[in-house]
Amino acid sequence: MAQRDENSVHAIVTDPPYALVEYEDKDHDKMRQGQGGLWRIPPSFDGSQRSPLPRFTVLTPKEREKLNTFFKAFAYQTQRILVPGGHLVIAANPLLSTTVFYACETSGMEKRGELIRIVKTLRGGDRPKGAETEFSDVSVMPRSSWEPWGLFRKPISEKTVAQNLRKWGTGGFRRISDDEPFRDIFEAAPARSPERDLAPHPSLKPQKLMRYIVRGVLPLSRGVVYDPFCGSGSTLAAAANLGLSAIGTERDVQYLTMAHQAIPRLSQIKIST
C-alpha cells in the first residue's frame, strides 16, 4: 500500500488477517499441516471437511495492542491512496470488530455503517471442553450466525456528494435497482464446492457476497477496486465477473499462485440471486 500513489484507487474491499498472528509462519505452517496451533481444526460435519478457523479468543493483551497498531497504520495508508469519497469495506468478526473499526475511525476515516452478512457457521456454540457431559446445557459462546463488515469513507473533497461523484466518481454506493437501495444486511452462506475446489483458502469468501460488495462500492461503475490482502482472489474474481477494474496484493506465495489460477475460474461461477 505504501508504494501506491495518493488518490489512486476508488474503493478498498478486503478480508484482512484479523489477528495477524494466525498468519505468522509458525502458525500458518501448523494450519497447513493440520496440527492446529492458533488455528482450530474442526472435525468433519455431515460428510464435509470443514476449514480451519482462527481462535481469536486466545489473543493476549499484547497481541490485541499489536492488532490496534497494525490497523491504525493500515487506515492511514487507506486514506492516503483512496480518492476522496472512496469507501473501505473491511471484513471483521464479532470478537474483534470493535478493535478494528475503532482503529479505522480514529485514523480519519468516516464510519458509514456496517454491512451485516447473515451466515450460519460452526464457530462457537460448543459445550465446555472436557466437561461436555457435566455441563451439557451450556454453550461457552453463542454459535456465530453473522459477520460484520465495516463501511468507511474517505471524506469527500467537494461541498456535496453530487459534486464529488462528478469529480471522482465516488461518495456513495450503487443502488441494487431503481426501486431498491444498497442494503446493509446480506445473506450469504459459506463458500462451498465448486468455489472451494477452485480456491481452497481457509478464509475464502463466496462470490455471491463479493459481487454484491464490489458492485456496490463503485457507484458509477467506474474506477479501481483494490484488495491489499487478496488471498485466493475472490475480490478480484468478483470484479472480473462484473466487468470492473481491480488490483490486489498478497505476500504468501502459495496463495498468490492459487489466486492466479482461481480468479478467471471463480469469475465464471454462476450464483443464485
C-alpha atoms as a PDB file:
ATOM      1  CA  MET A   1       0.000   0.000   0.000  1.00  0.00           C
ATOM      2  CA  ALA A   2       2.860   2.358   0.796  1.00  0.00           C
ATOM      3  CA  GLN A   3       4.005   2.110  -2.829  1.00  0.00           C
ATOM      4  CA  ARG A   4       0.673   3.248  -4.260  1.00  0.00           C
ATOM      5  CA  ASP A   5       0.244   6.863  -5.357  1.00  0.00           C
ATOM      6  CA  GLU A   6      -2.105   9.137  -3.451  1.00  0.00           C
ATOM      7  CA  ASN A   7      -5.706   9.174  -4.726  1.00  0.00           C
ATOM      8  CA  SER A   8      -5.057   6.155  -6.926  1.00  0.00           C
ATOM      9  CA  VAL A   9      -7.891   3.723  -6.044  1.00  0.00           C
ATOM     10  CA  HIS A  10     -11.614   4.253  -5.795  1.00  0.00           C
ATOM     11  CA  ALA A  11     -12.522   1.565  -3.257  1.00  0.00           C
ATOM     12  CA  ILE A  12     -10.854  -0.980  -0.998  1.00  0.00           C
ATOM     13  CA  VAL A  13     -12.608  -4.281  -0.314  1.00  0.00           C
ATOM     14  CA  THR A  14     -10.715  -6.715   1.864  1.00  0.00           C
ATOM     15  CA  ASP A  15     -10.788  -9.535   4.395  1.00  0.00           C
ATOM     16  CA  PRO A  16      -7.628  -8.853   6.422  1.00  0.00           C
ATOM     17  CA  PRO A  17      -5.722 -11.097   8.828  1.00  0.00           C
ATOM     18  CA  TYR A  18      -7.799 -10.120  11.854  1.00  0.00           C
ATOM     19  CA  ALA A  19      -5.353 -11.350  14.442  1.00  0.00           C
ATOM     20  CA  LEU A  20      -2.133 -11.016  12.452  1.00  0.00           C
ATOM     21  CA  VAL A  21      -0.520 -13.817  14.400  1.00  0.00           C
ATOM     22  CA  GLU A  22      -2.526 -16.560  12.673  1.00  0.00           C
ATOM     23  CA  TYR A  23      -0.548 -15.817   9.507  1.00  0.00           C
ATOM     24  CA  GLU A  24       2.860 -15.895  11.141  1.00  0.00           C
ATOM     25  CA  ASP A  25       4.946 -18.619   9.513  1.00  0.00           C
ATOM     26  CA  LYS A  26       4.869 -20.961  12.513  1.00  0.00           C
ATOM     27  CA  ASP A  27       1.082 -20.831  12.906  1.00  0.00           C
ATOM     28  CA  HIS A  28       0.457 -20.899   9.173  1.00  0.00           C
ATOM     29  CA  ASP A  29       2.641 -23.991   8.834  1.00  0.00           C
ATOM     30  CA  LYS A  30       0.744 -25.703  11.667  1.00  0.00           C
ATOM     31  CA  MET A  31      -2.563 -24.917   9.982  1.00  0.00           C
ATOM     32  CA  ARG A  32      -1.399 -26.329   6.643  1.00  0.00           C
ATOM     33  CA  GLN A  33      -0.179 -29.490   8.366  1.00  0.00           C
ATOM     34  CA  GLY A  34      -3.488 -29.909  10.208  1.00  0.00           C
ATOM     35  CA  GLN A  35      -1.856 -29.530  13.618  1.00  0.00           C
ATOM     36  CA  GLY A  36      -3.852 -26.575  14.885  1.00  0.00           C
ATOM     37  CA  GLY A  37      -1.891 -24.112  16.979  1.00  0.00           C
ATOM     38  CA  LEU A  38      -3.768 -20.808  16.836  1.00  0.00           C
ATOM     39  CA  TRP A  39      -5.909 -22.369  14.101  1.00  0.00           C
ATOM     40  CA  ARG A  40      -8.712 -24.635  15.280  1.00  0.00           C
ATOM     41  CA  ILE A  41      -9.011 -27.659  13.019  1.00  0.00           C
ATOM     42  CA  PRO A  42     -12.723 -28.566  13.179  1.00  0.00           C
ATOM     43  CA  PRO A  43     -13.935 -32.136  12.650  1.00  0.00           C
ATOM     44  CA  SER A  44     -15.809 -33.201   9.555  1.00  0.00           C
ATOM     45  CA  PHE A  45     -19.538 -32.484   9.682  1.00  0.00           C
ATOM     46  CA  ASP A  46     -22.329 -34.032   7.612  1.00  0.00           C
ATOM     47  CA  GLY A  47     -19.682 -35.677   5.457  1.00  0.00           C
ATOM     48  CA  SER A  48     -17.891 -32.407   4.660  1.00  0.00           C
ATOM     49  CA  GLN A  49     -14.429 -31.469   5.881  1.00  0.00           C
ATOM     50  CA  ARG A  50     -14.556 -28.022   7.491  1.00  0.00           C
ATOM     51  CA  SER A  51     -11.816 -25.447   7.002  1.00  0.00           C
ATOM     52  CA  PRO A  52      -9.523 -24.332   9.850  1.00  0.00           C
ATOM     53  CA  LEU A  53     -10.718 -21.370  11.928  1.00  0.00           C
ATOM     54  CA  PRO A  54      -8.558 -18.891  13.881  1.00  0.00           C
ATOM     55  CA  ARG A  55      -9.207 -18.973  17.638  1.00  0.00           C
ATOM     56  CA  PHE A  56      -9.327 -15.235  18.347  1.00  0.00           C
ATOM     57  CA  THR A  57     -10.320 -15.764  21.982  1.00  0.00           C
ATOM     58  CA  VAL A  58      -6.751 -16.836  22.770  1.00  0.00           C
ATOM     59  CA  LEU A  59      -5.208 -13.476  21.868  1.00  0.00           C
ATOM     60  CA  THR A  60      -3.165 -11.837  24.611  1.00  0.00           C
ATOM     61  CA  PRO A  61      -3.434  -8.123  25.527  1.00  0.00           C
ATOM     62  CA  LYS A  62      -0.088  -7.574  23.799  1.00  0.00           C
ATOM     63  CA  GLU A  63      -1.380  -9.180  20.611  1.00  0.00           C
ATOM     64  CA  ARG A  64      -4.533  -7.061  20.737  1.00  0.00           C
ATOM     65  CA  GLU A  65      -2.439  -3.928  21.059  1.00  0.00           C
ATOM     66  CA  LYS A  66      -0.401  -5.097  18.084  1.00  0.00           C
ATOM     67  CA  LEU A  67      -3.661  -5.525  16.201  1.00  0.00           C
ATOM     68  CA  ASN A  68      -4.722  -1.957  17.020  1.00  0.00           C
ATOM     69  CA  THR A  69      -1.350  -0.560  15.899  1.00  0.00           C
ATOM     70  CA  PHE A  70      -1.480  -2.538  12.671  1.00  0.00           C
ATOM     71  CA  PHE A  71      -4.938  -1.306  11.715  1.00  0.00           C
ATOM     72  CA  LYS A  72      -4.100   2.301  12.531  1.00  0.00           C
ATOM     73  CA  ALA A  73      -1.206   2.051  10.055  1.00  0.00           C
ATOM     74  CA  PHE A  74      -3.485   0.297   7.580  1.00  0.00           C
ATOM     75  CA  ALA A  75      -6.132   3.032   7.902  1.00  0.00           C
ATOM     76  CA  TYR A  76      -3.510   5.735   7.331  1.00  0.00           C
ATOM     77  CA  GLN A  77      -2.444   4.131   4.049  1.00  0.00           C
ATOM     78  CA  THR A  78      -6.084   3.520   3.129  1.00  0.00           C
ATOM     79  CA  GLN A  79      -6.944   7.182   3.479  1.00  0.00           C
ATOM     80  CA  ARG A  80      -3.845   8.188   1.541  1.00  0.00           C
ATOM     81  CA  ILE A  81      -4.459   6.048  -1.545  1.00  0.00           C
ATOM     82  CA  LEU A  82      -8.256   6.303  -1.751  1.00  0.00           C
ATOM     83  CA  VAL A  83      -9.712   9.118  -3.820  1.00  0.00           C
ATOM     84  CA  PRO A  84     -11.959  11.492  -1.856  1.00  0.00           C
ATOM     85  CA  GLY A  85     -15.273   9.782  -1.176  1.00  0.00           C
ATOM     86  CA  GLY A  86     -13.821   6.326  -1.766  1.00  0.00           C
ATOM     87  CA  HIS A  87     -15.063   3.555   0.512  1.00  0.00           C
ATOM     88  CA  LEU A  88     -13.270   0.936   2.559  1.00  0.00           C
ATOM     89  CA  VAL A  89     -15.305  -2.226   3.118  1.00  0.00           C
ATOM     90  CA  ILE A  90     -13.465  -4.414   5.600  1.00  0.00           C
ATOM     91  CA  ALA A  91     -14.441  -7.824   6.952  1.00  0.00           C
ATOM     92  CA  ALA A  92     -14.269  -8.498  10.669  1.00  0.00           C
ATOM     93  CA  ASN A  93     -15.922 -10.756  13.222  1.00  0.00           C
ATOM     94  CA  PRO A  94     -17.935 -10.117  16.390  1.00  0.00           C
ATOM     95  CA  LEU A  95     -14.890 -10.741  18.619  1.00  0.00           C
ATOM     96  CA  LEU A  96     -12.561  -8.189  17.019  1.00  0.00           C
ATOM     97  CA  SER A  97     -14.729  -5.759  15.063  1.00  0.00           C
ATOM     98  CA  THR A  98     -14.673  -3.067  17.764  1.00  0.00           C
ATOM     99  CA  THR A  99     -10.864  -3.007  17.784  1.00  0.00           C
ATOM    100  CA  VAL A 100     -10.530  -2.957  14.004  1.00  0.00           C
ATOM    101  CA  PHE A 101     -13.307  -0.426  13.395  1.00  0.00           C
ATOM    102  CA  TYR A 102     -12.137   1.920  16.149  1.00  0.00           C
ATOM    103  CA  ALA A 103      -8.624   1.976  14.693  1.00  0.00           C
ATOM    104  CA  CYS A 104     -10.015   2.889  11.264  1.00  0.00           C
ATOM    105  CA  GLU A 105     -12.384   5.563  12.556  1.00  0.00           C
ATOM    106  CA  THR A 106      -9.829   7.299  14.788  1.00  0.00           C
ATOM    107  CA  SER A 107      -7.389   7.465  11.882  1.00  0.00           C
ATOM    108  CA  GLY A 108      -9.602   9.859   9.940  1.00  0.00           C
ATOM    109  CA  MET A 109     -11.953   7.584   8.010  1.00  0.00           C
ATOM    110  CA  GLU A 110     -15.680   8.281   8.334  1.00  0.00           C
ATOM    111  CA  LYS A 111     -17.676   5.322   9.598  1.00  0.00           C
ATOM    112  CA  ARG A 112     -20.705   4.951   7.357  1.00  0.00           C
ATOM    113  CA  GLY A 113     -22.256   1.898   8.985  1.00  0.00           C
ATOM    114  CA  GLU A 114     -21.787  -1.838   8.835  1.00  0.00           C
ATOM    115  CA  LEU A 115     -22.777  -4.484   6.349  1.00  0.00           C
ATOM    116  CA  ILE A 116     -24.113  -7.465   8.289  1.00  0.00           C
ATOM    117  CA  ARG A 117     -23.643 -10.746   6.497  1.00  0.00           C
ATOM    118  CA  ILE A 118     -26.102 -13.369   7.711  1.00  0.00           C
ATOM    119  CA  VAL A 119     -24.211 -16.647   7.698  1.00  0.00           C
ATOM    120  CA  LYS A 120     -24.577 -19.830   9.708  1.00  0.00           C
ATOM    121  CA  THR A 121     -21.219 -21.276  10.735  1.00  0.00           C
ATOM    122  CA  LEU A 122     -19.752 -23.830  13.134  1.00  0.00           C
ATOM    123  CA  ARG A 123     -17.866 -21.191  15.124  1.00  0.00           C
ATOM    124  CA  GLY A 124     -18.871 -21.219  18.795  1.00  0.00           C
ATOM    125  CA  GLY A 125     -21.766 -22.949  20.471  1.00  0.00           C
ATOM    126  CA  ASP A 126     -19.655 -25.755  21.954  1.00  0.00           C
ATOM    127  CA  ARG A 127     -20.011 -27.111  25.469  1.00  0.00           C
ATOM    128  CA  PRO A 128     -17.168 -26.604  27.997  1.00  0.00           C
ATOM    129  CA  LYS A 129     -14.155 -28.573  26.788  1.00  0.00           C
ATOM    130  CA  GLY A 130     -13.520 -31.634  28.897  1.00  0.00           C
ATOM    131  CA  ALA A 131     -16.827 -31.256  30.733  1.00  0.00           C
ATOM    132  CA  GLU A 132     -19.355 -31.695  27.940  1.00  0.00           C
ATOM    133  CA  THR A 133     -21.460 -34.168  29.918  1.00  0.00           C
ATOM    134  CA  GLU A 134     -21.296 -32.326  33.231  1.00  0.00           C
ATOM    135  CA  PHE A 135     -22.440 -29.057  31.610  1.00  0.00           C
ATOM    136  CA  SER A 136     -24.467 -30.433  28.736  1.00  0.00           C
ATOM    137  CA  ASP A 137     -26.878 -27.468  28.798  1.00  0.00           C
ATOM    138  CA  VAL A 138     -24.122 -24.830  28.469  1.00  0.00           C
ATOM    139  CA  SER A 139     -22.644 -23.159  25.367  1.00  0.00           C
ATOM    140  CA  VAL A 140     -19.381 -21.365  26.116  1.00  0.00           C
ATOM    141  CA  MET A 141     -20.098 -18.861  23.318  1.00  0.00           C
ATOM    142  CA  PRO A 142     -23.062 -18.266  21.019  1.00  0.00           C
ATOM    143  CA  ARG A 143     -22.988 -20.119  17.721  1.00  0.00           C
ATOM    144  CA  SER A 144     -21.997 -17.431  15.228  1.00  0.00           C
ATOM    145  CA  SER A 145     -24.708 -16.520  12.712  1.00  0.00           C
ATOM    146  CA  TRP A 146     -23.495 -13.135  11.438  1.00  0.00           C
ATOM    147  CA  GLU A 147     -20.365 -11.411  10.189  1.00  0.00           C
ATOM    148  CA  PRO A 148     -19.797  -7.635  10.389  1.00  0.00           C
ATOM    149  CA  TRP A 149     -18.129  -5.705   7.557  1.00  0.00           C
ATOM    150  CA  GLY A 150     -17.136  -2.141   8.411  1.00  0.00           C
ATOM    151  CA  LEU A 151     -18.154   0.584   5.957  1.00  0.00           C
ATOM    152  CA  PHE A 152     -15.818   3.581   5.989  1.00  0.00           C
ATOM    153  CA  ARG A 153     -15.443   6.548   3.642  1.00  0.00           C
ATOM    154  CA  LYS A 154     -12.584   8.892   2.991  1.00  0.00           C
ATOM    155  CA  PRO A 155     -14.011  12.399   3.494  1.00  0.00           C
ATOM    156  CA  ILE A 156     -15.281  13.953   0.270  1.00  0.00           C
ATOM    157  CA  SER A 157     -13.304  16.871  -1.132  1.00  0.00           C
ATOM    158  CA  GLU A 158     -16.258  18.717  -2.628  1.00  0.00           C
ATOM    159  CA  LYS A 159     -19.159  20.502  -0.946  1.00  0.00           C
ATOM    160  CA  THR A 160     -21.716  17.844  -1.823  1.00  0.00           C
ATOM    161  CA  VAL A 161     -21.769  14.161  -2.651  1.00  0.00           C
ATOM    162  CA  ALA A 162     -23.160  15.032  -6.095  1.00  0.00           C
ATOM    163  CA  GLN A 163     -20.160  17.257  -6.820  1.00  0.00           C
ATOM    164  CA  ASN A 164     -17.810  14.566  -5.524  1.00  0.00           C
ATOM    165  CA  LEU A 165     -19.462  11.998  -7.783  1.00  0.00           C
ATOM    166  CA  ARG A 166     -18.949  14.261 -10.776  1.00  0.00           C
ATOM    167  CA  LYS A 167     -15.270  14.816  -9.989  1.00  0.00           C
ATOM    168  CA  TRP A 168     -14.136  11.483  -8.531  1.00  0.00           C
ATOM    169  CA  GLY A 169     -16.973   9.022  -9.224  1.00  0.00           C
ATOM    170  CA  THR A 170     -17.219   8.232  -5.514  1.00  0.00           C
ATOM    171  CA  GLY A 171     -19.123   9.172  -2.393  1.00  0.00           C
ATOM    172  CA  GLY A 172     -21.946   6.642  -2.248  1.00  0.00           C
ATOM    173  CA  PHE A 173     -22.962   3.094  -3.090  1.00  0.00           C
ATOM    174  CA  ARG A 174     -24.518   1.820  -6.291  1.00  0.00           C
ATOM    175  CA  ARG A 175     -28.183   1.006  -5.841  1.00  0.00           C
ATOM    176  CA  ILE A 176     -29.416  -2.535  -6.347  1.00  0.00           C
ATOM    177  CA  SER A 177     -32.091  -1.213  -8.706  1.00  0.00           C
ATOM    178  CA  ASP A 178     -34.162   1.897  -9.312  1.00  0.00           C
ATOM    179  CA  ASP A 179     -36.529   0.752  -6.589  1.00  0.00           C
ATOM    180  CA  GLU A 180     -34.043  -0.711  -4.121  1.00  0.00           C
ATOM    181  CA  PRO A 181     -31.050   0.954  -2.449  1.00  0.00           C
ATOM    182  CA  PHE A 182     -27.816  -0.728  -1.414  1.00  0.00           C
ATOM    183  CA  ARG A 183     -28.687  -2.537   1.822  1.00  0.00           C
ATOM    184  CA  ASP A 184     -26.639  -3.261   4.929  1.00  0.00           C
ATOM    185  CA  ILE A 185     -27.936  -6.796   5.511  1.00  0.00           C
ATOM    186  CA  PHE A 186     -26.996  -9.568   3.119  1.00  0.00           C
ATOM    187  CA  GLU A 187     -27.415 -13.327   3.464  1.00  0.00           C
ATOM    188  CA  ALA A 188     -24.625 -15.453   2.053  1.00  0.00           C
ATOM    189  CA  ALA A 189     -23.714 -18.993   3.033  1.00  0.00           C
ATOM    190  CA  PRO A 190     -20.062 -20.030   3.373  1.00  0.00           C
ATOM    191  CA  ALA A 191     -18.260 -20.818   0.141  1.00  0.00           C
ATOM    192  CA  ARG A 192     -18.786 -24.418  -0.881  1.00  0.00           C
ATOM    193  CA  SER A 193     -17.909 -26.538  -3.887  1.00  0.00           C
ATOM    194  CA  PRO A 194     -17.163 -25.683  -6.643  1.00  0.00           C
ATOM    195  CA  GLU A 195     -15.725 -22.390  -5.313  1.00  0.00           C
ATOM    196  CA  ARG A 196     -13.693 -24.054  -2.579  1.00  0.00           C
ATOM    197  CA  ASP A 197     -12.417 -26.661  -5.013  1.00  0.00           C
ATOM    198  CA  LEU A 198     -11.019 -23.849  -7.159  1.00  0.00           C
ATOM    199  CA  ALA A 199      -9.652 -21.805  -4.242  1.00  0.00           C
ATOM    200  CA  PRO A 200      -9.081 -23.838  -1.033  1.00  0.00           C
ATOM    201  CA  HIS A 201      -8.214 -20.803   1.101  1.00  0.00           C
ATOM    202  CA  PRO A 202      -9.145 -21.005   4.820  1.00  0.00           C
ATOM    203  CA  SER A 203     -10.948 -17.643   4.675  1.00  0.00           C
ATOM    204  CA  LEU A 204     -12.499 -17.838   1.213  1.00  0.00           C
ATOM    205  CA  LYS A 205     -15.499 -15.515   0.829  1.00  0.00           C
ATOM    206  CA  PRO A 206     -18.326 -16.603  -1.507  1.00  0.00           C
ATOM    207  CA  GLN A 207     -18.760 -14.941  -4.862  1.00  0.00           C
ATOM    208  CA  LYS A 208     -22.379 -14.112  -4.043  1.00  0.00           C
ATOM    209  CA  LEU A 209     -21.202 -11.826  -1.252  1.00  0.00           C
ATOM    210  CA  MET A 210     -18.154 -10.388  -3.019  1.00  0.00           C
ATOM    211  CA  ARG A 211     -20.046  -9.485  -6.186  1.00  0.00           C
ATOM    212  CA  TYR A 212     -22.658  -7.660  -4.120  1.00  0.00           C
ATOM    213  CA  ILE A 213     -19.988  -5.615  -2.315  1.00  0.00           C
ATOM    214  CA  VAL A 214     -17.746  -4.926  -5.308  1.00  0.00           C
ATOM    215  CA  ARG A 215     -20.691  -3.794  -7.410  1.00  0.00           C
ATOM    216  CA  GLY A 216     -21.861  -1.515  -4.614  1.00  0.00           C
ATOM    217  CA  VAL A 217     -18.585   0.304  -3.898  1.00  0.00           C
ATOM    218  CA  LEU A 218     -18.270   1.771  -7.403  1.00  0.00           C
ATOM    219  CA  PRO A 219     -21.432   3.887  -7.575  1.00  0.00           C
ATOM    220  CA  LEU A 220     -20.888   4.916 -11.209  1.00  0.00           C
ATOM    221  CA  SER A 221     -19.393   1.552 -12.253  1.00  0.00           C
ATOM    222  CA  ARG A 222     -16.001   3.079 -12.910  1.00  0.00           C
ATOM    223  CA  GLY A 223     -12.725   3.231 -11.057  1.00  0.00           C
ATOM    224  CA  VAL A 224     -10.382   0.706  -9.451  1.00  0.00           C
ATOM    225  CA  VAL A 225     -11.145  -1.653  -6.560  1.00  0.00           C
ATOM    226  CA  TYR A 226      -8.125  -2.709  -4.517  1.00  0.00           C
ATOM    227  CA  ASP A 227      -7.739  -5.697  -2.183  1.00  0.00           C
ATOM    228  CA  PRO A 228      -4.475  -5.427  -0.190  1.00  0.00           C
ATOM    229  CA  PHE A 229      -4.940  -8.921   1.318  1.00  0.00           C
ATOM    230  CA  CYS A 230      -6.330 -10.679  -1.723  1.00  0.00           C
ATOM    231  CA  GLY A 231      -5.675 -14.275  -0.617  1.00  0.00           C
ATOM    232  CA  SER A 232      -7.152 -16.543  -3.270  1.00  0.00           C
ATOM    233  CA  GLY A 233      -8.500 -13.610  -5.269  1.00  0.00           C
ATOM    234  CA  SER A 234     -12.239 -13.651  -4.527  1.00  0.00           C
ATOM    235  CA  THR A 235     -12.496  -9.832  -4.662  1.00  0.00           C
ATOM    236  CA  LEU A 236     -10.700  -9.683  -7.996  1.00  0.00           C
ATOM    237  CA  ALA A 237     -12.784 -12.538  -9.370  1.00  0.00           C
ATOM    238  CA  ALA A 238     -15.972 -10.686  -8.423  1.00  0.00           C
ATOM    239  CA  ALA A 239     -14.751  -7.570 -10.215  1.00  0.00           C
ATOM    240  CA  ALA A 240     -13.842  -9.600 -13.304  1.00  0.00           C
ATOM    241  CA  ASN A 241     -17.322 -11.107 -13.404  1.00  0.00           C
ATOM    242  CA  LEU A 242     -18.845  -7.618 -13.258  1.00  0.00           C
ATOM    243  CA  GLY A 243     -16.511  -6.134 -15.861  1.00  0.00           C
ATOM    244  CA  LEU A 244     -14.878  -3.815 -13.304  1.00  0.00           C
ATOM    245  CA  SER A 245     -11.211  -2.997 -12.750  1.00  0.00           C
ATOM    246  CA  ALA A 246      -9.474  -4.432  -9.688  1.00  0.00           C
ATOM    247  CA  ILE A 247      -5.972  -5.000  -8.373  1.00  0.00           C
ATOM    248  CA  GLY A 248      -4.687  -6.982  -5.418  1.00  0.00           C
ATOM    249  CA  THR A 249      -1.587  -7.782  -3.416  1.00  0.00           C
ATOM    250  CA  GLU A 250      -0.709 -10.934  -1.476  1.00  0.00           C
ATOM    251  CA  ARG A 251       2.526 -11.770   0.346  1.00  0.00           C
ATOM    252  CA  ASP A 252       2.034 -15.534   0.661  1.00  0.00           C
ATOM    253  CA  VAL A 253       3.459 -17.275  -2.407  1.00  0.00           C
ATOM    254  CA  GLN A 254       1.105 -20.256  -2.179  1.00  0.00           C
ATOM    255  CA  TYR A 255      -1.970 -18.027  -2.041  1.00  0.00           C
ATOM    256  CA  LEU A 256      -0.609 -15.850  -4.846  1.00  0.00           C
ATOM    257  CA  THR A 257      -0.227 -18.909  -7.053  1.00  0.00           C
ATOM    258  CA  MET A 258      -3.702 -20.049  -6.052  1.00  0.00           C
ATOM    259  CA  ALA A 259      -5.174 -16.652  -6.943  1.00  0.00           C
ATOM    260  CA  HIS A 260      -3.604 -16.627 -10.416  1.00  0.00           C
ATOM    261  CA  GLN A 261      -5.274 -19.936 -11.157  1.00  0.00           C
ATOM    262  CA  ALA A 262      -8.556 -19.329  -9.358  1.00  0.00           C
ATOM    263  CA  ILE A 263      -9.528 -15.780 -10.384  1.00  0.00           C
ATOM    264  CA  PRO A 264     -10.552 -16.498 -14.004  1.00  0.00           C
ATOM    265  CA  ARG A 265     -12.427 -19.632 -12.921  1.00  0.00           C
ATOM    266  CA  LEU A 266     -14.161 -18.064  -9.918  1.00  0.00           C
ATOM    267  CA  SER A 267     -15.256 -15.181 -12.126  1.00  0.00           C
ATOM    268  CA  GLN A 268     -17.203 -17.656 -14.287  1.00  0.00           C
ATOM    269  CA  ILE A 269     -19.025 -19.300 -11.385  1.00  0.00           C
ATOM    270  CA  LYS A 270     -22.782 -18.925 -11.662  1.00  0.00           C
ATOM    271  CA  ILE A 271     -24.503 -17.916  -8.430  1.00  0.00           C
ATOM    272  CA  SER A 272     -28.123 -17.906  -7.344  1.00  0.00           C
ATOM    273  CA  THR A 273     -29.571 -14.456  -6.657  1.00  0.00           C
END
